[in-house]
Amino acid sequence: MFQMLPLLLFFSFISYSSSIECYSGSQLQMIECPSLSCIKQTLGYDTVRYCDGVGLSSICQTYNIFETCDTIPNLGFICCCSGNLCNSSSLISFTLPTLLVFLFILLR
């Protein structure tokens, strides 16, 4: 019986650590989420980031949005993703490579 204890502890740790991290709030704080999806929601000029709900309160499951974005009436433009910190700003990731290419061409 005691020989199986380390194995049981190992599998309980794996199931516990299956959560993901998402950005949340206006300061893009990193938080651990109980759900399996992060959300980036834009309504008008406001963009918010947070963890998706679980079960019936899951926006991603309710509207079948997985690893993509869609416009939902009264909710705005919703992006759902399932990787760690996947709901970051796409503008920064696009601007930095573009800037580096521009500098390379300029300094060449």
N, C-alpha and C. Protein backbone atom coordinates (compact mmCIF):
# COMPACT_ATOMS: atom_id res chain seq x y z
N MET A 1 0.82 -1.20 0.00
CA MET A 1 0.00 0.00 0.00
C MET A 1 0.85 1.25 0.00
N PHE A 2 1.88 1.29 0.86
CA PHE A 2 2.74 2.47 0.95
C PHE A 2 3.62 2.64 -0.28
N GLN A 3 3.79 1.58 -1.06
CA GLN A 3 4.58 1.68 -2.29
C GLN A 3 3.86 2.52 -3.34
N MET A 4 2.55 2.57 -3.28
CA MET A 4 1.77 3.32 -4.26
C MET A 4 1.60 4.78 -3.88
N LEU A 5 1.95 5.12 -2.66
CA LEU A 5 1.78 6.50 -2.20
C LEU A 5 2.54 7.52 -3.05
N PRO A 6 3.81 7.30 -3.38
CA PRO A 6 4.49 8.29 -4.25
C PRO A 6 3.82 8.42 -5.62
N LEU A 7 3.34 7.33 -6.15
CA LEU A 7 2.66 7.38 -7.45
C LEU A 7 1.36 8.17 -7.36
N LEU A 8 0.60 7.97 -6.30
CA LEU A 8 -0.65 8.72 -6.11
C LEU A 8 -0.37 10.21 -5.92
N LEU A 9 0.67 10.54 -5.18
CA LEU A 9 1.03 11.94 -5.00
C LEU A 9 1.45 12.58 -6.32
N PHE A 10 2.18 11.83 -7.13
CA PHE A 10 2.61 12.34 -8.43
C PHE A 10 1.41 12.66 -9.32
N PHE A 11 0.44 11.73 -9.41
CA PHE A 11 -0.73 11.96 -10.27
C PHE A 11 -1.65 13.05 -9.71
N SER A 12 -1.72 13.19 -8.42
CA SER A 12 -2.54 14.26 -7.86
C SER A 12 -1.91 15.62 -8.16
N PHE A 13 -0.58 15.68 -8.21
CA PHE A 13 0.09 16.93 -8.56
C PHE A 13 -0.16 17.30 -10.02
N ILE A 14 -0.13 16.32 -10.89
CA ILE A 14 -0.37 16.57 -12.32
C ILE A 14 -1.77 17.13 -12.53
N SER A 15 -2.77 16.55 -11.93
CA SER A 15 -4.12 17.04 -12.12
C SER A 15 -4.31 18.42 -11.49
N TYR A 16 -3.58 18.71 -10.41
CA TYR A 16 -3.69 20.01 -9.76
C TYR A 16 -3.01 21.10 -10.59
N SER A 17 -1.93 20.75 -11.28
CA SER A 17 -1.18 21.76 -12.01
C SER A 17 -1.66 21.92 -13.46
N SER A 18 -2.86 21.46 -13.76
CA SER A 18 -3.36 21.55 -15.13
C SER A 18 -3.99 22.91 -15.44
N SER A 19 -3.96 23.84 -14.51
CA SER A 19 -4.49 25.17 -14.77
C SER A 19 -3.49 25.95 -15.61
N ILE A 20 -3.95 27.06 -16.16
CA ILE A 20 -3.08 27.90 -16.97
C ILE A 20 -3.00 29.29 -16.35
N GLU A 21 -2.03 30.06 -16.82
CA GLU A 21 -1.91 31.45 -16.39
C GLU A 21 -2.47 32.35 -17.48
N CYS A 22 -3.19 33.39 -17.06
CA CYS A 22 -3.75 34.37 -17.99
C CYS A 22 -3.41 35.77 -17.50
N TYR A 23 -3.39 36.71 -18.43
CA TYR A 23 -3.29 38.11 -18.06
C TYR A 23 -4.66 38.58 -17.59
N SER A 24 -4.66 39.47 -16.60
CA SER A 24 -5.92 39.96 -16.07
C SER A 24 -5.74 41.40 -15.60
N GLY A 25 -6.80 42.19 -15.73
CA GLY A 25 -6.78 43.56 -15.24
C GLY A 25 -6.11 44.52 -16.21
N SER A 26 -6.15 45.79 -15.87
CA SER A 26 -5.59 46.81 -16.75
C SER A 26 -4.07 46.86 -16.70
N GLN A 27 -3.47 46.34 -15.64
CA GLN A 27 -2.01 46.32 -15.51
C GLN A 27 -1.40 45.02 -16.04
N LEU A 28 -2.22 44.19 -16.68
CA LEU A 28 -1.79 42.89 -17.22
C LEU A 28 -1.09 42.04 -16.16
N GLN A 29 -1.77 41.86 -15.04
CA GLN A 29 -1.26 41.01 -13.98
C GLN A 29 -1.39 39.55 -14.41
N MET A 30 -0.43 38.72 -14.04
CA MET A 30 -0.49 37.30 -14.35
C MET A 30 -1.19 36.58 -13.20
N ILE A 31 -2.25 35.83 -13.53
CA ILE A 31 -2.97 35.09 -12.51
C ILE A 31 -3.14 33.64 -12.96
N GLU A 32 -3.25 32.74 -12.00
CA GLU A 32 -3.51 31.35 -12.29
C GLU A 32 -5.02 31.14 -12.39
N CYS A 33 -5.45 30.49 -13.46
CA CYS A 33 -6.87 30.34 -13.72
C CYS A 33 -7.35 28.91 -13.49
N PRO A 34 -8.53 28.76 -12.92
CA PRO A 34 -9.09 27.42 -12.75
C PRO A 34 -9.65 26.87 -14.06
N SER A 35 -9.86 27.73 -15.04
CA SER A 35 -10.41 27.28 -16.32
C SER A 35 -9.28 26.86 -17.25
N LEU A 36 -9.63 26.44 -18.43
CA LEU A 36 -8.64 26.03 -19.42
C LEU A 36 -8.49 27.05 -20.53
N SER A 37 -9.10 28.24 -20.38
CA SER A 37 -9.04 29.25 -21.42
C SER A 37 -8.83 30.65 -20.84
N CYS A 38 -8.12 31.46 -21.61
CA CYS A 38 -7.97 32.88 -21.31
C CYS A 38 -8.81 33.65 -22.32
N ILE A 39 -9.25 34.84 -21.94
CA ILE A 39 -10.10 35.66 -22.81
C ILE A 39 -9.50 37.05 -22.95
N LYS A 40 -9.57 37.57 -24.17
CA LYS A 40 -9.31 38.99 -24.42
C LYS A 40 -10.57 39.52 -25.07
N GLN A 41 -11.20 40.52 -24.45
CA GLN A 41 -12.50 41.03 -24.89
C GLN A 41 -12.39 42.52 -25.19
N THR A 42 -12.83 42.90 -26.38
CA THR A 42 -12.83 44.30 -26.78
C THR A 42 -14.25 44.74 -27.08
N LEU A 43 -14.68 45.79 -26.41
CA LEU A 43 -16.00 46.38 -26.64
C LEU A 43 -15.79 47.87 -26.77
N GLY A 44 -15.99 48.38 -27.99
CA GLY A 44 -15.69 49.79 -28.24
C GLY A 44 -14.19 50.01 -28.20
N TYR A 45 -13.74 50.96 -27.37
CA TYR A 45 -12.31 51.24 -27.24
C TYR A 45 -11.70 50.55 -26.02
N ASP A 46 -12.50 49.81 -25.28
CA ASP A 46 -12.02 49.15 -24.06
C ASP A 46 -11.67 47.69 -24.34
N THR A 47 -10.50 47.28 -23.86
CA THR A 47 -10.07 45.89 -23.96
C THR A 47 -9.77 45.39 -22.56
N VAL A 48 -10.33 44.24 -22.22
CA VAL A 48 -10.08 43.62 -20.92
C VAL A 48 -9.59 42.20 -21.16
N ARG A 49 -8.81 41.72 -20.20
CA ARG A 49 -8.28 40.36 -20.26
C ARG A 49 -8.61 39.66 -18.95
N TYR A 50 -8.98 38.38 -19.04
CA TYR A 50 -9.35 37.65 -17.83
C TYR A 50 -9.43 36.16 -18.12
N CYS A 51 -9.66 35.38 -17.07
CA CYS A 51 -9.84 33.93 -17.20
C CYS A 51 -11.27 33.64 -17.63
N ASP A 52 -11.42 32.63 -18.45
CA ASP A 52 -12.76 32.18 -18.81
C ASP A 52 -13.39 31.51 -17.60
N GLY A 53 -14.69 31.45 -17.59
CA GLY A 53 -15.40 30.74 -16.52
C GLY A 53 -15.31 29.24 -16.74
N VAL A 54 -15.88 28.49 -15.84
CA VAL A 54 -15.91 27.04 -15.97
C VAL A 54 -17.37 26.58 -16.04
N GLY A 55 -17.59 25.47 -16.72
CA GLY A 55 -18.94 24.92 -16.82
C GLY A 55 -19.88 25.82 -17.57
N LEU A 56 -21.05 26.07 -17.00
CA LEU A 56 -22.06 26.89 -17.66
C LEU A 56 -21.67 28.36 -17.78
N SER A 57 -20.71 28.81 -16.98
CA SER A 57 -20.30 30.21 -17.05
C SER A 57 -19.12 30.44 -18.00
N SER A 58 -18.78 29.44 -18.80
CA SER A 58 -17.69 29.57 -19.77
C SER A 58 -18.17 30.27 -21.03
N ILE A 59 -17.60 31.43 -21.32
CA ILE A 59 -17.95 32.15 -22.54
C ILE A 59 -17.44 31.40 -23.75
N CYS A 60 -16.23 30.88 -23.67
CA CYS A 60 -15.63 30.18 -24.81
C CYS A 60 -16.46 28.95 -25.20
N GLN A 61 -16.92 28.18 -24.22
CA GLN A 61 -17.73 27.00 -24.53
C GLN A 61 -19.14 27.39 -24.98
N THR A 62 -19.72 28.40 -24.35
CA THR A 62 -21.07 28.82 -24.70
C THR A 62 -21.17 29.26 -26.15
N TYR A 63 -20.15 30.00 -26.63
CA TYR A 63 -20.18 30.53 -27.99
C TYR A 63 -19.27 29.77 -28.96
N ASN A 64 -18.75 28.62 -28.52
CA ASN A 64 -17.88 27.77 -29.36
C ASN A 64 -16.73 28.55 -29.98
N ILE A 65 -16.00 29.27 -29.15
CA ILE A 65 -14.83 30.03 -29.58
C ILE A 65 -13.60 29.35 -28.97
N PHE A 66 -12.82 28.68 -29.79
CA PHE A 66 -11.63 27.98 -29.30
C PHE A 66 -10.45 28.34 -30.18
N GLU A 67 -9.42 28.93 -29.58
CA GLU A 67 -8.20 29.33 -30.28
C GLU A 67 -8.49 30.26 -31.46
N THR A 68 -9.51 31.09 -31.32
CA THR A 68 -9.88 32.03 -32.36
C THR A 68 -10.62 33.21 -31.75
N CYS A 69 -11.08 34.11 -32.58
CA CYS A 69 -11.83 35.28 -32.13
C CYS A 69 -13.15 35.36 -32.88
N ASP A 70 -14.14 35.99 -32.26
CA ASP A 70 -15.44 36.16 -32.89
C ASP A 70 -16.14 37.36 -32.26
N THR A 71 -17.03 37.98 -33.02
CA THR A 71 -17.82 39.08 -32.51
C THR A 71 -19.14 38.53 -31.98
N ILE A 72 -19.41 38.81 -30.71
CA ILE A 72 -20.62 38.33 -30.04
C ILE A 72 -21.48 39.55 -29.71
N PRO A 73 -22.75 39.56 -30.12
CA PRO A 73 -23.62 40.70 -29.81
C PRO A 73 -23.65 41.00 -28.30
N ASN A 74 -23.54 42.27 -27.97
CA ASN A 74 -23.56 42.79 -26.60
C ASN A 74 -22.32 42.45 -25.77
N LEU A 75 -21.43 41.59 -26.29
CA LEU A 75 -20.19 41.27 -25.58
C LEU A 75 -18.97 41.86 -26.27
N GLY A 76 -19.06 42.07 -27.58
CA GLY A 76 -17.95 42.64 -28.33
C GLY A 76 -17.13 41.58 -29.03
N PHE A 77 -15.86 41.91 -29.27
CA PHE A 77 -14.93 41.03 -29.97
C PHE A 77 -14.24 40.17 -28.93
N ILE A 78 -14.47 38.87 -28.95
CA ILE A 78 -13.97 37.93 -27.94
C ILE A 78 -12.92 37.01 -28.57
N CYS A 79 -11.77 36.90 -27.90
CA CYS A 79 -10.73 35.95 -28.31
C CYS A 79 -10.52 34.96 -27.17
N CYS A 80 -10.59 33.67 -27.47
CA CYS A 80 -10.35 32.62 -26.49
C CYS A 80 -9.10 31.84 -26.90
N CYS A 81 -8.26 31.54 -25.92
CA CYS A 81 -7.05 30.77 -26.19
C CYS A 81 -6.72 29.91 -24.97
N SER A 82 -5.89 28.90 -25.18
CA SER A 82 -5.66 27.94 -24.09
C SER A 82 -4.20 27.80 -23.69
N GLY A 83 -3.33 28.68 -24.13
CA GLY A 83 -1.93 28.61 -23.74
C GLY A 83 -1.64 29.56 -22.59
N ASN A 84 -0.53 29.32 -21.90
CA ASN A 84 -0.14 30.22 -20.82
C ASN A 84 0.09 31.63 -21.35
N LEU A 85 -0.53 32.60 -20.71
CA LEU A 85 -0.40 34.03 -21.03
C LEU A 85 -0.68 34.32 -22.50
N CYS A 86 -1.65 33.61 -23.06
CA CYS A 86 -1.96 33.75 -24.48
C CYS A 86 -2.84 34.95 -24.79
N ASN A 87 -3.39 35.62 -23.78
CA ASN A 87 -4.29 36.75 -24.04
C ASN A 87 -3.57 38.09 -23.90
N SER A 88 -2.32 38.11 -24.35
CA SER A 88 -1.55 39.35 -24.31
C SER A 88 -1.89 40.23 -25.50
N SER A 89 -1.23 41.36 -25.58
CA SER A 89 -1.47 42.28 -26.69
C SER A 89 -0.72 41.80 -27.92
N SER A 90 -1.43 41.70 -29.05
CA SER A 90 -0.78 41.28 -30.29
C SER A 90 -0.02 42.44 -30.92
N LEU A 91 -0.33 43.66 -30.52
CA LEU A 91 0.35 44.82 -31.08
C LEU A 91 1.83 44.82 -30.73
N ILE A 92 2.18 44.48 -29.51
CA ILE A 92 3.58 44.47 -29.09
C ILE A 92 4.35 43.39 -29.84
N SER A 93 3.78 42.22 -29.99
CA SER A 93 4.49 41.14 -30.67
C SER A 93 4.66 41.43 -32.15
N PHE A 94 3.81 42.26 -32.73
CA PHE A 94 3.94 42.63 -34.14
C PHE A 94 4.90 43.80 -34.29
N THR A 95 4.88 44.74 -33.40
CA THR A 95 5.67 45.95 -33.52
C THR A 95 7.17 45.69 -33.34
N LEU A 96 7.57 44.88 -32.39
CA LEU A 96 8.98 44.63 -32.12
C LEU A 96 9.69 44.00 -33.32
N PRO A 97 9.18 42.91 -33.91
CA PRO A 97 9.86 42.38 -35.10
C PRO A 97 9.90 43.36 -36.26
N THR A 98 8.85 44.11 -36.45
CA THR A 98 8.83 45.11 -37.52
C THR A 98 9.89 46.17 -37.28
N LEU A 99 10.02 46.61 -36.05
CA LEU A 99 11.03 47.60 -35.69
C LEU A 99 12.44 47.06 -35.92
N LEU A 100 12.67 45.82 -35.55
CA LEU A 100 13.99 45.22 -35.73
C LEU A 100 14.35 45.09 -37.21
N VAL A 101 13.41 44.69 -38.04
CA VAL A 101 13.65 44.60 -39.48
C VAL A 101 13.95 45.98 -40.05
N PHE A 102 13.18 46.96 -39.63
CA PHE A 102 13.40 48.33 -40.09
C PHE A 102 14.79 48.83 -39.71
N LEU A 103 15.21 48.58 -38.46
CA LEU A 103 16.54 48.99 -38.02
C LEU A 103 17.64 48.26 -38.77
N PHE A 104 17.45 47.00 -39.06
CA PHE A 104 18.42 46.22 -39.81
C PHE A 104 18.60 46.80 -41.21
N ILE A 105 17.49 47.12 -41.86
CA ILE A 105 17.56 47.71 -43.21
C ILE A 105 18.22 49.08 -43.16
N LEU A 106 17.88 49.85 -42.16
CA LEU A 106 18.42 51.21 -42.04
C LEU A 106 19.92 51.21 -41.75
N LEU A 107 20.38 50.31 -40.91
CA LEU A 107 21.78 50.29 -40.51
C LEU A 107 22.66 49.45 -41.43
N ARG A 108 22.10 48.88 -42.41
CA ARG A 108 22.84 48.01 -43.33
C ARG A 108 23.70 48.73 -44.27
